[in-house]
Amino acid sequence: MLPSFPDCYIQVRNIRTRYWNIGSHGNVIILIHGIGSGLETWALNVEALAQHHQVYVLDLVGSGRSDKPLGSYSLVALAEFVNAFANVLNLDRFSLMGNSLGGGVALQFALSYPQQVEKLILVNSLGLGREIAWSLRMANLPWVDRLYKPSWSSTALTLQQSVADTSLITDEWIDIFYKILSLPGAPEALIAQIRTHVGWTGVRAEVYQPIADRLPTLTMPILIVWGEQDQILPIAHAHFARQRLPNAQLQLFDRCGHWSHFERAAEFNLRVADFLTRSA
C-alpha cells in the first residue's frame, strides 16, 4: 500500500485547491507536480522530508483534484497560482521543489518572486530547452481535444514512459492516476496544459527561452536532479542548467527516468535532505 495522507482543501482565487500538509517543524518546502499528474506523485518523498521540514504538496489549478476552469495554464499563471496558495496559508519564505512542468513553475516562481525562495530543487525540469518527447507533441493534432479519453491502458503507458524500470508502475499507481485523469474536466485541462507549453517542434520558445536567458540571475542555492534515461526531457537540459546557474549542484541517477523522485526515492530523499539542511 502506498503512503496516504489527509486531503485538505482551500480556496485559492476561487479555485478549490487540494493539498497535503505534513510535518510540524522546520523550514517550509512546497512540492509541485508535473503535467497530467497530481500531488500523489510525491507520495514516496513527503514522509522523509517531513522529519525536518513543514511540507506542503498541492494539486495545481487544472490538475489532480483541484478545480479545472478554462483559463491560462502558462508558467507565469501557474507560478502566480502557487504564490496565491502560499499567501492564503501565510507562507512567506520557503523552498520549492518541482518535477517536469512543476520544475518550470518553480523556476518561473523564483524569477518572479526571488525574495520568497530560500532554495530550489529542479527534478527533471521543464523550461531548460526545446527537446521533449514526441508523445507530448502529438497533443497538437487537431482532433485530439475532441477524441482523447483516458483509459487504464493509456494511463499505464504514460506512467511507464516516466521510468526506466517499468516494473515499478504497479496496478495501484495506475489506478490512482487513471481516476485522476478521468475526473470531469481533466482531459480537457490536460490537453490545454500540454498545448500551452509544447508545440510540434518541442517546448515552445516563449516558454523556455525567457527562463533560459535569466538563469544566471537566480542566485539562491539550487539542486538539479535528473534521471540519465529520461525519455521525456533529455539530460542535456540538466547540464545546460548547471552551466548557467551560478549556485547550482547537479545530482544524476543512472538507470532512472523522468520521475527520479519516484524511481530512486530512497537515494533521492537522502540527497534532498542533505541539500536542504547543509547547503549554504
Protein backbone atom coordinates (compact mmCIF):
# COMPACT_ATOMS: atom_id res chain seq x y z
CA MET A 1 0.00 0.00 0.00
CA LEU A 2 1.22 3.47 -0.86
CA PRO A 3 1.55 6.09 1.88
CA SER A 4 -1.66 8.05 2.31
CA PHE A 5 -2.12 11.49 3.84
CA PRO A 6 -5.24 13.53 4.69
CA ASP A 7 -6.57 15.71 1.90
CA CYS A 8 -7.06 19.38 2.76
CA TYR A 9 -8.92 21.94 0.65
CA ILE A 10 -8.69 25.73 0.49
CA GLN A 11 -9.96 28.42 -1.86
CA VAL A 12 -7.16 29.97 -3.91
CA ARG A 13 -8.51 32.72 -6.18
CA ASN A 14 -11.90 30.97 -6.13
CA ILE A 15 -10.24 27.68 -7.11
CA ARG A 16 -10.98 24.79 -4.77
CA THR A 17 -7.46 23.54 -4.24
CA ARG A 18 -6.37 20.22 -2.73
CA TYR A 19 -3.15 19.95 -0.76
CA TRP A 20 -1.31 17.92 1.84
CA ASN A 21 0.50 19.40 4.84
CA ILE A 22 2.88 17.02 6.61
CA GLY A 23 5.44 17.96 9.25
CA SER A 24 5.09 20.48 12.06
CA HIS A 25 8.57 21.95 12.47
CA GLY A 26 11.48 23.20 10.40
CA ASN A 27 11.55 25.30 7.26
CA VAL A 28 8.74 25.16 4.72
CA ILE A 29 9.05 23.38 1.37
CA ILE A 30 6.37 23.34 -1.35
CA LEU A 31 6.26 20.44 -3.84
CA ILE A 32 4.87 20.95 -7.37
CA HIS A 33 3.91 18.07 -9.70
CA GLY A 34 4.09 17.80 -13.48
CA ILE A 35 1.65 17.66 -16.41
CA GLY A 36 -1.07 15.02 -16.13
CA SER A 37 -0.06 14.34 -12.56
CA GLY A 38 -1.09 15.30 -9.05
CA LEU A 39 0.24 15.53 -5.54
CA GLU A 40 0.32 11.71 -5.30
CA THR A 41 3.48 11.76 -7.40
CA TRP A 42 5.34 12.82 -4.22
CA ALA A 43 3.89 10.06 -2.01
CA LEU A 44 7.28 8.36 -1.56
CA ASN A 45 9.03 11.60 -0.58
CA VAL A 46 6.87 13.54 1.85
CA GLU A 47 7.40 11.42 4.96
CA ALA A 48 11.18 11.63 4.70
CA LEU A 49 11.07 15.39 4.11
CA ALA A 50 8.57 15.93 6.91
CA GLN A 51 11.03 14.63 9.52
CA HIS A 52 12.78 18.01 9.44
CA HIS A 53 10.53 20.29 7.38
CA GLN A 54 6.99 21.54 7.00
CA VAL A 55 5.94 20.01 3.70
CA TYR A 56 3.15 21.37 1.53
CA VAL A 57 2.13 19.45 -1.59
CA LEU A 58 -0.57 20.89 -3.84
CA ASP A 59 -2.62 19.99 -6.87
CA LEU A 60 -2.10 22.85 -9.32
CA VAL A 61 -5.17 24.52 -10.79
CA GLY A 62 -6.35 22.26 -13.63
CA SER A 63 -4.73 19.16 -12.14
CA GLY A 64 -5.36 16.40 -9.65
CA ARG A 65 -8.47 17.06 -7.57
CA SER A 66 -8.25 20.84 -7.72
CA ASP A 67 -10.76 22.77 -9.86
CA LYS A 68 -10.20 22.81 -13.62
CA PRO A 69 -11.50 26.09 -15.06
CA LEU A 70 -10.99 27.32 -18.58
CA GLY A 71 -8.14 29.79 -18.47
CA SER A 72 -4.39 30.22 -18.76
CA TYR A 73 -2.09 27.39 -17.78
CA SER A 74 1.12 29.24 -18.65
CA LEU A 75 4.13 29.03 -16.35
CA VAL A 76 3.53 32.64 -15.32
CA ALA A 77 -0.12 31.93 -14.45
CA LEU A 78 0.77 28.75 -12.55
CA ALA A 79 3.56 30.50 -10.63
CA GLU A 80 1.06 33.21 -9.67
CA PHE A 81 -1.30 30.47 -8.50
CA VAL A 82 1.42 28.95 -6.29
CA ASN A 83 2.09 32.42 -4.89
CA ALA A 84 -1.60 32.86 -4.12
CA PHE A 85 -1.63 29.40 -2.48
CA ALA A 86 1.30 30.42 -0.27
CA ASN A 87 -0.38 33.71 0.60
CA VAL A 88 -3.61 32.02 1.70
CA LEU A 89 -1.58 29.78 4.03
CA ASN A 90 0.59 32.71 5.23
CA LEU A 91 3.80 31.14 3.93
CA ASP A 92 6.30 33.96 3.50
CA ARG A 93 9.60 32.28 2.61
CA PHE A 94 10.17 28.66 1.59
CA SER A 95 11.98 26.22 -0.64
CA LEU A 96 10.38 24.94 -3.84
CA MET A 97 10.72 21.51 -5.45
CA GLY A 98 9.15 20.78 -8.82
CA ASN A 99 9.14 17.89 -11.26
CA SER A 100 8.76 18.40 -15.03
CA LEU A 101 6.10 21.13 -15.51
CA GLY A 102 6.37 21.70 -11.76
CA GLY A 103 10.06 22.45 -12.18
CA GLY A 104 9.20 25.03 -14.80
CA VAL A 105 6.67 26.56 -12.43
CA ALA A 106 9.28 26.61 -9.65
CA LEU A 107 11.78 28.32 -11.97
CA GLN A 108 9.22 30.91 -13.02
CA PHE A 109 8.25 31.48 -9.38
CA ALA A 110 11.90 32.02 -8.43
CA LEU A 111 12.30 34.53 -11.26
CA SER A 112 9.10 36.38 -10.31
CA TYR A 113 9.44 36.23 -6.52
CA PRO A 114 13.14 35.62 -5.75
CA GLN A 115 12.89 37.12 -2.26
CA GLN A 116 10.46 34.38 -1.23
CA VAL A 117 12.57 31.40 -2.35
CA GLU A 118 15.10 30.01 0.09
CA LYS A 119 16.26 27.06 -2.06
CA LEU A 120 15.19 25.49 -5.33
CA ILE A 121 15.12 21.82 -6.36
CA LEU A 122 14.56 21.06 -10.05
CA VAL A 123 13.61 17.45 -10.76
CA ASN A 124 13.80 16.60 -14.49
CA SER A 125 12.51 20.11 -15.06
CA LEU A 126 10.67 21.75 -17.93
CA GLY A 127 11.88 25.17 -19.07
CA LEU A 128 15.52 24.42 -19.83
CA GLY A 129 15.42 23.59 -23.53
CA ARG A 130 13.31 22.77 -26.59
CA GLU A 131 13.63 18.98 -26.82
CA ILE A 132 10.74 16.93 -25.43
CA ALA A 133 9.13 13.55 -26.11
CA TRP A 134 7.03 13.16 -29.26
CA SER A 135 4.19 11.72 -27.19
CA LEU A 136 3.58 15.21 -25.78
CA ARG A 137 3.95 16.95 -29.14
CA MET A 138 1.17 14.72 -30.50
CA ALA A 139 -1.34 16.61 -28.35
CA ASN A 140 -1.25 19.26 -31.07
CA LEU A 141 -3.08 17.02 -33.54
CA PRO A 142 -6.34 18.87 -34.36
CA TRP A 143 -8.64 16.02 -33.32
CA VAL A 144 -7.00 15.13 -30.02
CA ASP A 145 -9.03 17.53 -27.89
CA ARG A 146 -12.29 16.04 -29.26
CA LEU A 147 -11.38 12.36 -29.14
CA TYR A 148 -8.97 11.98 -26.25
CA LYS A 149 -10.39 9.94 -23.41
CA PRO A 150 -8.09 8.38 -20.81
CA SER A 151 -8.13 4.63 -20.36
CA TRP A 152 -6.47 2.35 -17.86
CA SER A 153 -4.05 1.07 -20.51
CA SER A 154 -3.15 4.54 -21.83
CA THR A 155 -2.51 5.68 -18.26
CA ALA A 156 -0.23 2.68 -17.75
CA LEU A 157 1.76 3.54 -20.90
CA THR A 158 2.12 7.17 -19.82
CA LEU A 159 3.41 6.23 -16.38
CA GLN A 160 5.76 3.61 -17.82
CA GLN A 161 7.30 6.28 -20.04
CA SER A 162 8.23 8.19 -16.89
CA VAL A 163 10.55 5.49 -15.52
CA ALA A 164 13.43 3.32 -16.68
CA ASP A 165 12.23 0.34 -14.65
CA THR A 166 8.62 -0.22 -15.72
CA SER A 167 8.09 -2.91 -13.07
CA LEU A 168 7.77 -0.04 -10.56
CA ILE A 169 4.49 1.02 -12.18
CA THR A 170 2.10 -1.19 -10.25
CA ASP A 171 -1.64 -1.55 -10.74
CA GLU A 172 -2.10 0.59 -7.63
CA TRP A 173 -0.23 3.51 -9.22
CA ILE A 174 -2.13 3.12 -12.49
CA ASP A 175 -5.47 3.07 -10.65
CA ILE A 176 -4.62 6.28 -8.79
CA PHE A 177 -3.71 8.25 -11.89
CA TYR A 178 -6.44 6.78 -14.09
CA LYS A 179 -9.03 8.02 -11.58
CA ILE A 180 -7.43 11.48 -11.53
CA LEU A 181 -7.23 11.74 -15.32
CA SER A 182 -10.86 10.62 -15.63
CA LEU A 183 -12.29 13.33 -13.38
CA PRO A 184 -14.69 15.83 -15.00
CA GLY A 185 -12.73 18.42 -16.96
CA ALA A 186 -9.42 16.59 -16.52
CA PRO A 187 -8.90 15.50 -20.17
CA GLU A 188 -9.63 18.99 -21.47
CA ALA A 189 -7.34 20.62 -18.89
CA LEU A 190 -4.56 18.15 -19.69
CA ILE A 191 -4.66 18.88 -23.42
CA ALA A 192 -4.76 22.63 -22.71
CA GLN A 193 -1.74 22.39 -20.41
CA ILE A 194 0.31 20.41 -22.91
CA ARG A 195 -0.57 22.68 -25.84
CA THR A 196 0.28 25.77 -23.79
CA HIS A 197 3.84 24.55 -23.34
CA VAL A 198 4.55 22.15 -26.21
CA GLY A 199 4.22 22.56 -29.98
CA TRP A 200 5.17 20.35 -32.91
CA THR A 201 8.82 21.37 -32.74
CA GLY A 202 9.10 20.81 -29.00
CA VAL A 203 8.78 23.06 -25.97
CA ARG A 204 7.59 26.43 -27.21
CA ALA A 205 10.30 29.08 -27.43
CA GLU A 206 8.13 31.54 -25.49
CA VAL A 207 8.06 29.00 -22.64
CA TYR A 208 11.73 28.10 -22.21
CA GLN A 209 13.66 31.00 -23.75
CA PRO A 210 12.73 33.67 -21.15
CA ILE A 211 13.74 31.24 -18.40
CA ALA A 212 16.96 30.12 -20.08
CA ASP A 213 18.00 33.73 -20.67
CA ARG A 214 17.53 34.63 -16.99
CA LEU A 215 19.04 31.58 -15.30
CA PRO A 216 22.21 33.48 -14.27
CA THR A 217 20.06 35.86 -12.21
CA LEU A 218 18.96 33.04 -9.88
CA THR A 219 21.49 33.14 -7.07
CA MET A 220 19.76 31.04 -4.40
CA PRO A 221 21.11 27.51 -3.75
CA ILE A 222 19.74 25.17 -6.42
CA LEU A 223 19.83 21.38 -6.69
CA ILE A 224 19.26 19.89 -10.14
CA VAL A 225 18.22 16.23 -10.12
CA TRP A 226 17.87 14.15 -13.29
CA GLY A 227 17.45 10.56 -14.39
CA GLU A 228 20.02 9.71 -17.04
CA GLN A 229 17.49 7.64 -19.01
CA ASP A 230 14.79 10.33 -19.05
CA GLN A 231 12.63 9.75 -22.15
CA ILE A 232 10.62 12.97 -21.70
CA LEU A 233 13.22 15.71 -21.18
CA PRO A 234 16.85 14.94 -22.12
CA ILE A 235 19.71 15.02 -19.67
CA ALA A 236 21.35 17.73 -21.79
CA HIS A 237 18.89 20.16 -20.18
CA ALA A 238 20.36 19.34 -16.76
CA HIS A 239 23.90 20.09 -17.93
CA PHE A 240 22.75 23.33 -19.57
CA ALA A 241 21.14 24.47 -16.31
CA ARG A 242 24.22 23.54 -14.28
CA GLN A 243 26.39 25.69 -16.53
CA ARG A 244 24.06 28.70 -16.39
CA LEU A 245 23.04 28.71 -12.72
CA PRO A 246 25.70 30.33 -10.51
CA ASN A 247 24.92 28.42 -7.30
CA ALA A 248 23.74 25.01 -8.52
CA GLN A 249 24.59 21.41 -7.72
CA LEU A 250 23.83 18.50 -10.06
CA GLN A 251 22.72 15.02 -8.99
CA LEU A 252 22.33 12.40 -11.72
CA PHE A 253 20.81 8.96 -11.24
CA ASP A 254 21.73 6.14 -13.61
CA ARG A 255 19.09 3.57 -14.62
CA CYS A 256 16.49 6.22 -13.90
CA GLY A 257 13.89 8.07 -15.95
CA HIS A 258 11.73 11.19 -15.74
CA TRP A 259 10.36 10.52 -12.25
CA SER A 260 13.69 10.35 -10.43
CA HIS A 261 11.97 11.32 -7.16
CA PHE A 262 9.82 8.19 -7.51
CA GLU A 263 12.16 5.71 -9.16
CA ARG A 264 15.10 6.35 -6.83
CA ALA A 265 13.06 7.59 -3.88
CA ALA A 266 15.36 6.45 -1.04
CA GLU A 267 18.53 7.96 -2.55
CA PHE A 268 16.62 11.00 -3.75
CA ASN A 269 15.22 11.69 -0.29
CA LEU A 270 18.67 11.49 1.30
CA ARG A 271 20.19 13.81 -1.32
CA VAL A 272 17.42 16.37 -0.99
CA ALA A 273 17.53 16.24 2.83
CA ASP A 274 21.28 16.86 2.74
CA PHE A 275 20.84 19.79 0.33
CA LEU A 276 18.09 21.39 2.41
CA THR A 277 19.97 21.10 5.70
CA ARG A 278 23.59 21.72 4.64
CA SER A 279 23.66 23.89 1.56
CA ALA A 280 24.65 27.47 2.26
